[in-house]
């Protein structure tokens, strides 16, 4: 899966569960991803661009951190 601003958080974490800790390390706001109800609902429709705003991060920074964690080109 290529990580982009339009990537949905839920499917990304389903495919790469190791990214949960990477996200939590970027912003305390992302600890909410551990909530199973939130994971089944909001995370299914939320894009990385939307999640970046919640965490107060620039979208390109968030996407590039996740890409690097997966060994993809930034």
C-alpha atoms as a PDB file:
ATOM      1  CA  UNK A   1       0.000   0.000   0.000  1.00  0.00           C
ATOM      2  CA  UNK A   2       1.417   3.350  -1.044  1.00  0.00           C
ATOM      3  CA  UNK A   3       1.036   5.919   1.725  1.00  0.00           C
ATOM      4  CA  UNK A   4      -0.468   9.217   0.568  1.00  0.00           C
ATOM      5  CA  UNK A   5      -2.536  12.043   2.104  1.00  0.00           C
ATOM      6  CA  UNK A   6      -5.675  10.245   0.866  1.00  0.00           C
ATOM      7  CA  UNK A   7      -4.780   6.948   2.556  1.00  0.00           C
ATOM      8  CA  UNK A   8      -7.404   5.874   5.102  1.00  0.00           C
ATOM      9  CA  UNK A   9      -5.964   5.346   8.573  1.00  0.00           C
ATOM     10  CA  UNK A  10      -7.947   2.219   9.479  1.00  0.00           C
ATOM     11  CA  UNK A  11      -6.974   0.117   6.465  1.00  0.00           C
ATOM     12  CA  UNK A  12      -3.376   1.349   6.753  1.00  0.00           C
ATOM     13  CA  UNK A  13      -3.167   0.192  10.375  1.00  0.00           C
ATOM     14  CA  UNK A  14      -4.887  -3.087   9.516  1.00  0.00           C
ATOM     15  CA  UNK A  15      -2.190  -3.788   6.944  1.00  0.00           C
ATOM     16  CA  UNK A  16       0.692  -2.314   8.987  1.00  0.00           C
ATOM     17  CA  UNK A  17      -0.157  -2.493  12.722  1.00  0.00           C
ATOM     18  CA  UNK A  18       3.409  -1.449  13.593  1.00  0.00           C
ATOM     19  CA  UNK A  19       2.565   2.074  12.401  1.00  0.00           C
ATOM     20  CA  UNK A  20       0.279   2.617  15.389  1.00  0.00           C
ATOM     21  CA  UNK A  21       3.263   3.225  17.667  1.00  0.00           C
ATOM     22  CA  UNK A  22       4.889   5.453  15.058  1.00  0.00           C
ATOM     23  CA  UNK A  23       1.755   7.615  14.980  1.00  0.00           C
ATOM     24  CA  UNK A  24       1.460   7.741  18.760  1.00  0.00           C
ATOM     25  CA  UNK A  25       5.083   8.885  18.933  1.00  0.00           C
ATOM     26  CA  UNK A  26       4.245  11.828  16.666  1.00  0.00           C
ATOM     27  CA  UNK A  27       1.342  13.227  18.683  1.00  0.00           C
ATOM     28  CA  UNK A  28      -0.392  12.325  21.947  1.00  0.00           C
ATOM     29  CA  UNK A  29      -3.704  12.864  20.106  1.00  0.00           C
ATOM     30  CA  UNK A  30      -3.097   9.627  18.240  1.00  0.00           C
ATOM     31  CA  UNK A  31      -3.363   7.545  21.432  1.00  0.00           C
ATOM     32  CA  UNK A  32      -7.078   7.499  20.656  1.00  0.00           C
ATOM     33  CA  UNK A  33      -6.305   4.994  17.904  1.00  0.00           C
ATOM     34  CA  UNK A  34      -5.998   2.344  20.616  1.00  0.00           C
ATOM     35  CA  UNK A  35      -9.751   2.697  21.251  1.00  0.00           C
ATOM     36  CA  UNK A  36     -11.406  -0.213  19.398  1.00  0.00           C
ATOM     37  CA  UNK A  37     -14.635   1.707  18.756  1.00  0.00           C
ATOM     38  CA  UNK A  38     -12.755   4.631  17.234  1.00  0.00           C
ATOM     39  CA  UNK A  39     -10.697   2.221  15.131  1.00  0.00           C
ATOM     40  CA  UNK A  40     -13.833   0.586  13.723  1.00  0.00           C
ATOM     41  CA  UNK A  41     -15.587   3.871  12.978  1.00  0.00           C
ATOM     42  CA  UNK A  42     -13.602   7.071  12.521  1.00  0.00           C
ATOM     43  CA  UNK A  43     -10.342   5.443  11.454  1.00  0.00           C
ATOM     44  CA  UNK A  44     -12.136   3.699   8.578  1.00  0.00           C
ATOM     45  CA  UNK A  45     -13.064   7.022   6.946  1.00  0.00           C
ATOM     46  CA  UNK A  46     -10.353   9.406   8.188  1.00  0.00           C
ATOM     47  CA  UNK A  47      -7.538  10.146   5.764  1.00  0.00           C
ATOM     48  CA  UNK A  48      -3.959  10.896   6.738  1.00  0.00           C
ATOM     49  CA  UNK A  49      -4.552  14.510   5.696  1.00  0.00           C
ATOM     50  CA  UNK A  50      -7.392  14.762   8.236  1.00  0.00           C
ATOM     51  CA  UNK A  51      -5.405  12.963  10.916  1.00  0.00           C
ATOM     52  CA  UNK A  52      -2.444  15.306  10.398  1.00  0.00           C
ATOM     53  CA  UNK A  53      -4.681  18.283  11.206  1.00  0.00           C
ATOM     54  CA  UNK A  54      -5.919  16.609  14.403  1.00  0.00           C
ATOM     55  CA  UNK A  55      -2.327  15.997  15.500  1.00  0.00           C
ATOM     56  CA  UNK A  56      -1.175  19.491  14.521  1.00  0.00           C
ATOM     57  CA  UNK A  57       1.306  18.153  11.969  1.00  0.00           C
ATOM     58  CA  UNK A  58       1.983  19.240   8.397  1.00  0.00           C
ATOM     59  CA  UNK A  59       0.496  16.646   6.038  1.00  0.00           C
ATOM     60  CA  UNK A  60       3.744  16.036   4.100  1.00  0.00           C
ATOM     61  CA  UNK A  61       5.656  15.440   7.343  1.00  0.00           C
ATOM     62  CA  UNK A  62       3.173  12.830   8.568  1.00  0.00           C
ATOM     63  CA  UNK A  63       3.064  11.049   5.215  1.00  0.00           C
ATOM     64  CA  UNK A  64       6.859  11.015   4.893  1.00  0.00           C
ATOM     65  CA  UNK A  65       7.397   9.652   8.411  1.00  0.00           C
ATOM     66  CA  UNK A  66       5.010   6.788   7.679  1.00  0.00           C
ATOM     67  CA  UNK A  67       6.580   6.134   4.291  1.00  0.00           C
ATOM     68  CA  UNK A  68      10.050   5.968   5.841  1.00  0.00           C
ATOM     69  CA  UNK A  69       8.776   3.589   8.536  1.00  0.00           C
ATOM     70  CA  UNK A  70       7.568   1.289   5.757  1.00  0.00           C
ATOM     71  CA  UNK A  71      10.714   1.634   3.660  1.00  0.00           C
ATOM     72  CA  UNK A  72       8.970   3.650   0.942  1.00  0.00           C
ATOM     73  CA  UNK A  73      10.471   6.691  -0.753  1.00  0.00           C
ATOM     74  CA  UNK A  74       9.541   9.953   0.938  1.00  0.00           C
END
